[in-house]
Amino acid sequence: MPDIDNTIYKPYRDEGVLVYGLYGNETPDAIGDFVEQTSLSFPVVQDEGTRGALAYPAGVGYPYPRDAVIGKDLTIRSIRNSFNAEEMEALVQELLAE
């Protein structure tokens, strides 16, 4: 998540890019500790009951973090199991150009 904060959120937030961290299986205290330790600047929230995870085609319970990119039209444009800064930045630039 710090990579996303530094390469996507901070550089593009003034252009309207929103980033949210979504945790499904952590306590609020654990989430708060993680945010404090990593100094994240975007909101990180608990996905109570993993309701948000239902949006991911791989289904609930996938054990690894995923990055979902949602376009201005609110459609899911990309879901990735690993963060690649160059690919993500190219996608963000493409979506901002729309």
Protein backbone atom coordinates (compact mmCIF):
# COMPACT_ATOMS: atom_id res chain seq x y z
CA MET A 1 0.00 0.00 0.00
CA PRO A 2 2.80 2.50 0.58
CA ASP A 3 3.79 2.00 -3.08
CA ILE A 4 0.26 2.90 -4.17
CA ASP A 5 0.31 5.93 -1.89
CA ASN A 6 3.61 7.22 -3.26
CA THR A 7 3.28 6.42 -6.95
CA ILE A 8 -0.45 6.84 -7.59
CA TYR A 9 -2.34 8.64 -4.84
CA LYS A 10 0.00 11.48 -3.93
CA PRO A 11 1.01 12.39 -7.50
CA TYR A 12 -2.54 12.20 -8.92
CA ARG A 13 -4.88 13.17 -6.07
CA ASP A 14 -5.07 16.78 -7.25
CA GLU A 15 -6.29 15.46 -10.61
CA GLY A 16 -9.21 13.68 -8.97
CA VAL A 17 -7.74 10.21 -8.45
CA LEU A 18 -9.20 8.58 -5.35
CA VAL A 19 -7.59 5.67 -3.53
CA TYR A 20 -9.17 3.63 -0.76
CA GLY A 21 -7.68 0.79 1.21
CA LEU A 22 -10.21 -1.92 2.00
CA TYR A 23 -9.56 -4.55 4.68
CA GLY A 24 -11.91 -7.44 5.24
CA ASN A 25 -10.38 -9.61 7.89
CA GLU A 26 -8.66 -7.18 10.23
CA THR A 27 -9.78 -5.45 13.39
CA PRO A 28 -10.11 -1.67 13.40
CA ASP A 29 -7.13 -1.52 15.79
CA ALA A 30 -4.96 -3.57 13.43
CA ILE A 31 -5.97 -1.37 10.50
CA GLY A 32 -5.17 1.77 12.50
CA ASP A 33 -1.79 0.37 13.51
CA PHE A 34 -0.97 -0.46 9.86
CA VAL A 35 -1.95 3.01 8.66
CA GLU A 36 0.12 4.62 11.40
CA GLN A 37 3.18 2.43 10.73
CA THR A 38 3.09 3.02 6.98
CA SER A 39 2.01 6.70 7.11
CA LEU A 40 -0.62 6.17 4.43
CA SER A 41 -2.34 9.35 3.31
CA PHE A 42 -5.39 7.78 1.66
CA PRO A 43 -8.39 6.43 3.59
CA VAL A 44 -8.26 2.84 4.77
CA VAL A 45 -11.50 1.28 5.93
CA GLN A 46 -12.75 -2.04 7.21
CA ASP A 47 -14.85 -4.05 4.78
CA GLU A 48 -17.19 -5.41 7.42
CA GLY A 49 -18.49 -8.78 6.32
CA THR A 50 -16.24 -8.56 3.23
CA ARG A 51 -19.13 -7.00 1.25
CA GLY A 52 -16.77 -5.00 -0.95
CA ALA A 53 -14.82 -8.13 -1.80
CA LEU A 54 -17.89 -9.41 -3.62
CA ALA A 55 -17.05 -7.01 -6.45
CA TYR A 56 -13.93 -9.02 -7.24
CA PRO A 57 -14.46 -11.83 -9.77
CA ALA A 58 -12.06 -14.14 -7.93
CA GLY A 59 -14.56 -14.22 -5.09
CA VAL A 60 -14.44 -13.70 -1.39
CA GLY A 61 -11.57 -15.19 0.53
CA TYR A 62 -8.81 -14.70 -2.02
CA PRO A 63 -5.76 -14.65 0.26
CA TYR A 64 -3.71 -11.93 -1.47
CA PRO A 65 -4.24 -8.19 -1.84
CA ARG A 66 -5.72 -7.01 -5.10
CA ASP A 67 -5.80 -3.64 -6.76
CA ALA A 68 -9.05 -2.70 -8.46
CA VAL A 69 -9.26 0.36 -10.67
CA ILE A 70 -12.69 1.85 -11.22
CA GLY A 71 -13.25 4.38 -13.98
CA LYS A 72 -15.22 7.62 -13.84
CA ASP A 73 -18.20 5.68 -15.18
CA LEU A 74 -17.97 3.41 -12.11
CA THR A 75 -17.06 0.31 -14.08
CA ILE A 76 -14.20 -1.90 -12.96
CA ARG A 77 -11.41 -1.25 -15.45
CA SER A 78 -8.70 -3.45 -13.99
CA ILE A 79 -8.11 -5.95 -11.21
CA ARG A 80 -4.58 -7.05 -10.47
CA ASN A 81 -3.10 -9.39 -7.93
CA SER A 82 0.15 -7.48 -7.68
CA PHE A 83 1.09 -3.84 -7.92
CA ASN A 84 3.22 -2.76 -10.85
CA ALA A 85 3.87 0.96 -10.57
CA GLU A 86 4.58 1.53 -14.26
CA GLU A 87 1.50 -0.36 -15.46
CA MET A 88 -0.74 1.29 -12.88
CA GLU A 89 0.54 4.75 -13.69
CA ALA A 90 -0.06 4.15 -17.41
CA LEU A 91 -3.61 3.02 -16.64
CA VAL A 92 -4.27 6.06 -14.43
CA GLN A 93 -2.99 8.39 -17.15
CA GLU A 94 -5.19 6.65 -19.73
CA LEU A 95 -8.26 7.01 -17.54
CA LEU A 96 -7.52 10.66 -16.75
CA ALA A 97 -7.34 11.36 -20.49
CA GLU A 98 -10.89 10.07 -21.02
